[in-house]
Amino acid sequence: MASKVNICGLDTSSLPKLSNEEMDELIKKIKAGDKNAKKQFVIANLRLVLSVVQRFSIKKGFNPDDLFQVGCVGLIKAIDNFNINLNVKFSTYAVPMIIGEIRRFMRDSTSMRISRSIRDTAYQILKCRERYSKAHKPEPNLEQIATDLGITVKEVSFALDALNEPVSMFEPVYKDGSETIRVMDQIGDSKNNQDEWIENFALKDALKKLSDREKQILLMRYYLGKTQIEVSNEIGISQAQVSRLEKDAINSMKKNVM
């Protein structure tokens, strides 16, 4: 990233840089209702918004200033919803929300308009999946969703395809020094079951050589289908630690089965 970028009339080189301790102190004041602290916190995180906006700069037909303003909306939503009691970096929590806000804007602004009825159908599909998840059931297939909603499988498939934009699983969404967050780190796998996973990859012996913490993380990630953020919240460590332990465990298992 260049040291100086002008966007929305703002010279980013003039933005303040706060330490982690200063950021933590500001977020505590925000949660206590300090509006001035919120303003300072927003300004201090505008570079974060810019880093996300630059990912979309290759998209034709979208003004970077518009994307920056929309990203700021996502930043404010992240600030309002951030839980300071969770052991998660604010940037890790905020980046997906900023990206989501920008993607919604780009989707709604596309020249190929998607009808409101299709959007409503897609929303009902997502709610259906959420109901299954809350009931601890496997993710429903298209036929189950169609039956639950009283529509055809074709309508289900069309509604989902109309709102999806292909993204590489390994596409980075944010990088802060040595920490890189990729798309695959923000999603879970709810389709694999533990018995098939172990049997298909012949990993029983390799699993025995892992620590209890590493086994717990792999179980939660690949059997229970939890995201790295969800795992970090439940076991009380940062997402960066979860990512490192997960990668170490997988590398260890690779060595032991080769």
Protein backbone atom coordinates (compact mmCIF):
# COMPACT_ATOMS: atom_id res chain seq x y z
CA MET A 1 0.00 0.00 0.00
CA ALA A 2 1.32 3.43 -0.90
CA SER A 3 2.19 5.68 2.02
CA LYS A 4 -0.13 8.38 0.70
CA VAL A 5 -3.54 7.77 -0.88
CA ASN A 6 -6.18 10.41 -1.53
CA ILE A 7 -9.71 9.04 -1.33
CA CYS A 8 -12.95 10.88 -0.61
CA GLY A 9 -10.83 14.02 -0.25
CA LEU A 10 -8.88 12.37 2.58
CA ASP A 11 -5.08 12.20 2.68
CA THR A 12 -4.50 8.82 4.31
CA SER A 13 -0.91 9.72 5.18
CA SER A 14 -2.33 12.13 7.76
CA LEU A 15 -4.31 9.44 9.58
CA PRO A 16 -3.19 8.66 13.14
CA LYS A 17 -1.55 5.36 14.04
CA LEU A 18 -2.55 4.01 17.42
CA SER A 19 -0.96 1.23 19.45
CA ASN A 20 -2.94 -1.88 20.38
CA GLU A 21 -3.19 -0.57 23.92
CA GLU A 22 -4.62 2.75 22.72
CA MET A 23 -7.10 0.95 20.47
CA ASP A 24 -8.22 -1.27 23.37
CA GLU A 25 -8.70 1.77 25.60
CA LEU A 26 -10.77 3.56 22.95
CA ILE A 27 -13.06 0.59 22.33
CA LYS A 28 -13.74 0.37 26.09
CA LYS A 29 -14.72 4.05 26.11
CA ILE A 30 -16.95 3.49 23.08
CA LYS A 31 -18.82 0.70 24.85
CA ALA A 32 -19.28 3.11 27.77
CA GLY A 33 -21.00 5.57 25.43
CA ASP A 34 -18.15 7.96 24.63
CA LYS A 35 -19.00 9.41 21.18
CA ASN A 36 -15.71 11.27 20.86
CA ALA A 37 -13.82 8.00 21.41
CA LYS A 38 -15.90 6.40 18.65
CA LYS A 39 -14.95 9.19 16.25
CA GLN A 40 -11.26 8.72 17.07
CA PHE A 41 -11.55 4.96 16.66
CA VAL A 42 -13.22 5.28 13.26
CA ILE A 43 -10.51 7.64 12.01
CA ALA A 44 -7.77 5.35 13.34
CA ASN A 45 -9.24 2.41 11.39
CA LEU A 46 -9.79 4.12 8.04
CA ARG A 47 -6.61 2.48 6.74
CA LEU A 48 -8.27 -0.86 7.44
CA VAL A 49 -11.19 0.17 5.23
CA LEU A 50 -8.80 1.31 2.53
CA SER A 51 -6.93 -2.01 2.58
CA VAL A 52 -10.22 -3.78 1.86
CA VAL A 53 -11.33 -1.27 -0.80
CA GLN A 54 -8.07 -1.79 -2.70
CA ARG A 55 -9.02 -5.47 -3.16
CA PHE A 56 -11.97 -4.32 -5.26
CA SER A 57 -10.07 -1.71 -7.26
CA ILE A 58 -9.89 -3.99 -10.31
CA LYS A 59 -13.68 -4.11 -10.47
CA LYS A 60 -14.80 -1.94 -13.36
CA GLY A 61 -17.58 0.58 -13.06
CA PHE A 62 -17.25 1.27 -9.33
CA ASN A 63 -15.91 4.51 -7.93
CA PRO A 64 -13.27 3.86 -5.21
CA ASP A 65 -14.68 6.81 -3.24
CA ASP A 66 -18.11 5.13 -3.21
CA LEU A 67 -16.62 1.81 -2.09
CA PHE A 68 -14.65 3.59 0.64
CA GLN A 69 -17.78 5.26 2.00
CA VAL A 70 -19.66 1.96 1.97
CA GLY A 71 -16.70 0.29 3.68
CA CYS A 72 -16.88 2.93 6.41
CA VAL A 73 -20.49 1.90 7.03
CA GLY A 74 -19.25 -1.67 7.53
CA LEU A 75 -16.56 -0.39 9.89
CA ILE A 76 -19.11 1.44 12.03
CA LYS A 77 -21.35 -1.65 12.14
CA ALA A 78 -18.34 -3.70 13.26
CA ILE A 79 -17.59 -1.19 16.03
CA ASP A 80 -21.22 -1.24 17.21
CA ASN A 81 -21.35 -5.05 17.32
CA PHE A 82 -17.82 -5.84 18.55
CA ASN A 83 -17.67 -7.74 21.84
CA ILE A 84 -14.69 -6.57 23.87
CA ASN A 85 -14.94 -9.63 26.13
CA LEU A 86 -13.92 -11.97 23.32
CA ASN A 87 -10.25 -12.66 22.70
CA VAL A 88 -10.38 -11.49 19.07
CA LYS A 89 -8.53 -8.65 17.34
CA PHE A 90 -10.87 -5.93 16.13
CA SER A 91 -9.41 -6.06 12.61
CA THR A 92 -10.10 -9.80 12.42
CA TYR A 93 -13.73 -9.17 13.35
CA ALA A 94 -14.18 -6.04 11.21
CA VAL A 95 -12.71 -7.14 7.86
CA PRO A 96 -15.48 -9.64 6.96
CA MET A 97 -18.14 -7.06 7.85
CA ILE A 98 -16.50 -4.39 5.71
CA ILE A 99 -16.18 -6.83 2.81
CA GLY A 100 -19.80 -7.90 3.21
CA GLU A 101 -21.01 -4.30 3.13
CA ILE A 102 -19.02 -3.58 -0.05
CA ARG A 103 -20.16 -6.78 -1.75
CA ARG A 104 -23.79 -5.97 -0.99
CA PHE A 105 -23.33 -2.50 -2.47
CA MET A 106 -21.70 -3.90 -5.60
CA ARG A 107 -24.35 -6.57 -5.95
CA ASP A 108 -27.19 -4.08 -5.54
CA SER A 109 -25.53 -1.67 -7.96
CA THR A 110 -24.84 -4.18 -10.71
CA SER A 111 -26.33 -3.48 -14.12
CA MET A 112 -27.87 -6.95 -14.07
CA ARG A 113 -30.65 -6.31 -11.56
CA ILE A 114 -31.89 -9.22 -9.50
CA SER A 115 -35.60 -9.10 -8.82
CA ARG A 116 -36.89 -8.53 -5.31
CA SER A 117 -38.72 -11.88 -5.41
CA ILE A 118 -35.45 -13.73 -6.05
CA ARG A 119 -33.75 -11.83 -3.23
CA ASP A 120 -36.64 -12.72 -0.91
CA THR A 121 -36.35 -16.37 -1.91
CA ALA A 122 -32.61 -16.34 -1.24
CA TYR A 123 -33.25 -14.75 2.17
CA GLN A 124 -35.75 -17.50 3.04
CA ILE A 125 -33.20 -20.12 1.97
CA LEU A 126 -30.57 -18.64 4.27
CA LYS A 127 -33.08 -18.59 7.14
CA CYS A 128 -33.90 -22.22 6.43
CA ARG A 129 -30.22 -23.15 6.65
CA GLU A 130 -29.93 -21.18 9.88
CA ARG A 131 -32.84 -23.16 11.41
CA TYR A 132 -31.08 -26.42 10.58
CA SER A 133 -27.84 -25.13 12.07
CA LYS A 134 -29.52 -24.04 15.33
CA ALA A 135 -31.13 -27.47 15.59
CA HIS A 136 -27.64 -29.02 15.16
CA LYS A 137 -28.74 -30.77 11.98
CA PRO A 138 -26.60 -31.32 8.85
CA GLU A 139 -26.86 -28.56 6.25
CA PRO A 140 -30.03 -29.17 4.21
CA ASN A 141 -29.69 -30.10 0.56
CA LEU A 142 -31.61 -28.38 -2.23
CA GLU A 143 -34.45 -30.89 -2.09
CA GLN A 144 -34.97 -30.39 1.66
CA ILE A 145 -34.93 -26.61 1.28
CA ALA A 146 -37.40 -26.76 -1.60
CA THR A 147 -39.75 -28.94 0.44
CA ASP A 148 -39.52 -26.68 3.51
CA LEU A 149 -40.23 -23.54 1.49
CA GLY A 150 -42.80 -25.06 -0.84
CA ILE A 151 -40.89 -24.19 -4.01
CA THR A 152 -39.05 -26.14 -6.70
CA VAL A 153 -35.43 -27.24 -6.55
CA LYS A 154 -34.81 -25.16 -9.66
CA GLU A 155 -36.06 -22.03 -7.88
CA VAL A 156 -33.77 -22.74 -4.92
CA SER A 157 -30.74 -23.22 -7.15
CA PHE A 158 -31.51 -20.15 -9.25
CA ALA A 159 -31.97 -17.89 -6.22
CA LEU A 160 -28.64 -18.96 -4.71
CA ASP A 161 -26.72 -18.73 -7.99
CA ALA A 162 -28.12 -15.25 -8.67
CA LEU A 163 -26.56 -13.87 -5.48
CA ASN A 164 -23.24 -15.72 -5.45
CA GLU A 165 -19.94 -14.42 -6.80
CA PRO A 166 -17.16 -17.03 -7.18
CA VAL A 167 -14.23 -16.39 -4.87
CA SER A 168 -11.06 -18.40 -4.41
CA MET A 169 -10.86 -20.19 -1.06
CA PHE A 170 -7.25 -19.04 -0.79
CA GLU A 171 -7.97 -15.38 -1.62
CA PRO A 172 -6.56 -13.12 1.12
CA VAL A 173 -9.12 -10.76 2.63
CA TYR A 174 -6.75 -8.93 4.98
CA LYS A 175 -3.07 -8.89 5.85
CA ASP A 176 -1.55 -7.29 8.94
CA GLY A 177 2.18 -7.88 9.10
CA SER A 178 2.73 -11.63 9.34
CA GLU A 179 -0.97 -12.40 9.85
CA THR A 180 -2.94 -13.14 6.68
CA ILE A 181 -6.66 -13.89 6.80
CA ARG A 182 -7.95 -15.87 3.82
CA VAL A 183 -11.48 -16.70 2.70
CA MET A 184 -11.09 -20.30 3.91
CA ASP A 185 -10.31 -19.00 7.43
CA GLN A 186 -13.72 -17.28 7.62
CA ILE A 187 -15.87 -20.31 6.79
CA GLY A 188 -16.62 -23.67 8.31
CA ASP A 189 -17.16 -27.12 6.88
CA SER A 190 -20.47 -28.62 8.03
CA LYS A 191 -20.66 -31.50 5.54
CA ASN A 192 -17.83 -33.84 6.54
CA ASN A 193 -18.32 -36.30 9.36
CA GLN A 194 -15.54 -37.43 11.64
CA ASP A 195 -15.57 -41.15 10.78
CA GLU A 196 -15.27 -40.54 7.03
CA TRP A 197 -12.58 -37.92 7.54
CA ILE A 198 -10.38 -40.27 9.57
CA GLU A 199 -11.05 -43.35 7.44
CA ASN A 200 -10.60 -41.70 4.06
CA PHE A 201 -7.27 -40.10 4.93
CA ALA A 202 -5.92 -42.85 7.18
CA LEU A 203 -5.03 -40.38 9.91
CA LYS A 204 -5.72 -42.36 13.07
CA ASP A 205 -2.08 -42.85 13.95
CA ALA A 206 -1.21 -39.28 13.05
CA LEU A 207 -4.04 -37.97 15.24
CA LYS A 208 -2.65 -39.81 18.25
CA LYS A 209 0.55 -37.78 17.99
CA LEU A 210 -1.23 -34.44 18.23
CA SER A 211 -1.73 -32.51 21.45
CA ASP A 212 -5.19 -32.36 23.02
CA ARG A 213 -5.53 -28.70 21.97
CA GLU A 214 -4.63 -29.53 18.34
CA LYS A 215 -7.13 -32.40 18.29
CA GLN A 216 -9.80 -30.12 19.73
CA ILE A 217 -9.20 -27.47 17.07
CA LEU A 218 -9.29 -29.96 14.18
CA LEU A 219 -12.43 -31.55 15.59
CA MET A 220 -14.20 -28.21 15.87
CA ARG A 221 -12.99 -27.00 12.47
CA TYR A 222 -13.48 -30.09 10.29
CA TYR A 223 -16.11 -32.13 12.12
CA LEU A 224 -18.30 -29.51 13.82
CA GLY A 225 -17.81 -27.08 10.93
CA LYS A 226 -16.89 -24.05 13.03
CA THR A 227 -14.99 -21.01 11.74
CA GLN A 228 -11.64 -20.04 13.23
CA ILE A 229 -13.30 -17.10 14.99
CA GLU A 230 -15.91 -19.41 16.56
CA VAL A 231 -13.17 -21.79 17.70
CA SER A 232 -11.13 -18.95 19.19
CA ASN A 233 -14.17 -17.68 21.09
CA GLU A 234 -14.96 -21.10 22.55
CA ILE A 235 -11.48 -22.15 23.65
CA GLY A 236 -10.29 -18.68 24.66
CA ILE A 237 -7.37 -17.99 22.33
CA SER A 238 -6.93 -15.60 19.39
CA GLN A 239 -7.82 -16.50 15.81
CA ALA A 240 -4.14 -16.13 14.89
CA GLN A 241 -3.29 -18.82 17.48
CA VAL A 242 -6.07 -21.05 16.19
CA SER A 243 -4.77 -20.63 12.63
CA ARG A 244 -1.20 -21.43 13.68
CA LEU A 245 -2.16 -24.51 15.72
CA GLU A 246 -4.42 -25.74 12.92
CA LYS A 247 -1.65 -25.42 10.32
CA ASP A 248 0.92 -27.02 12.64
CA ALA A 249 -1.41 -29.94 13.30
CA ILE A 250 -2.11 -30.50 9.60
CA ASN A 251 1.58 -30.30 8.73
CA SER A 252 2.39 -32.76 11.49
CA MET A 253 -0.22 -35.18 10.22
CA LYS A 254 1.08 -34.88 6.66
CA LYS A 255 4.57 -35.85 7.81
CA ASN A 256 3.29 -38.82 9.79
CA VAL A 257 1.22 -40.34 6.99
CA MET A 258 3.78 -39.92 4.19
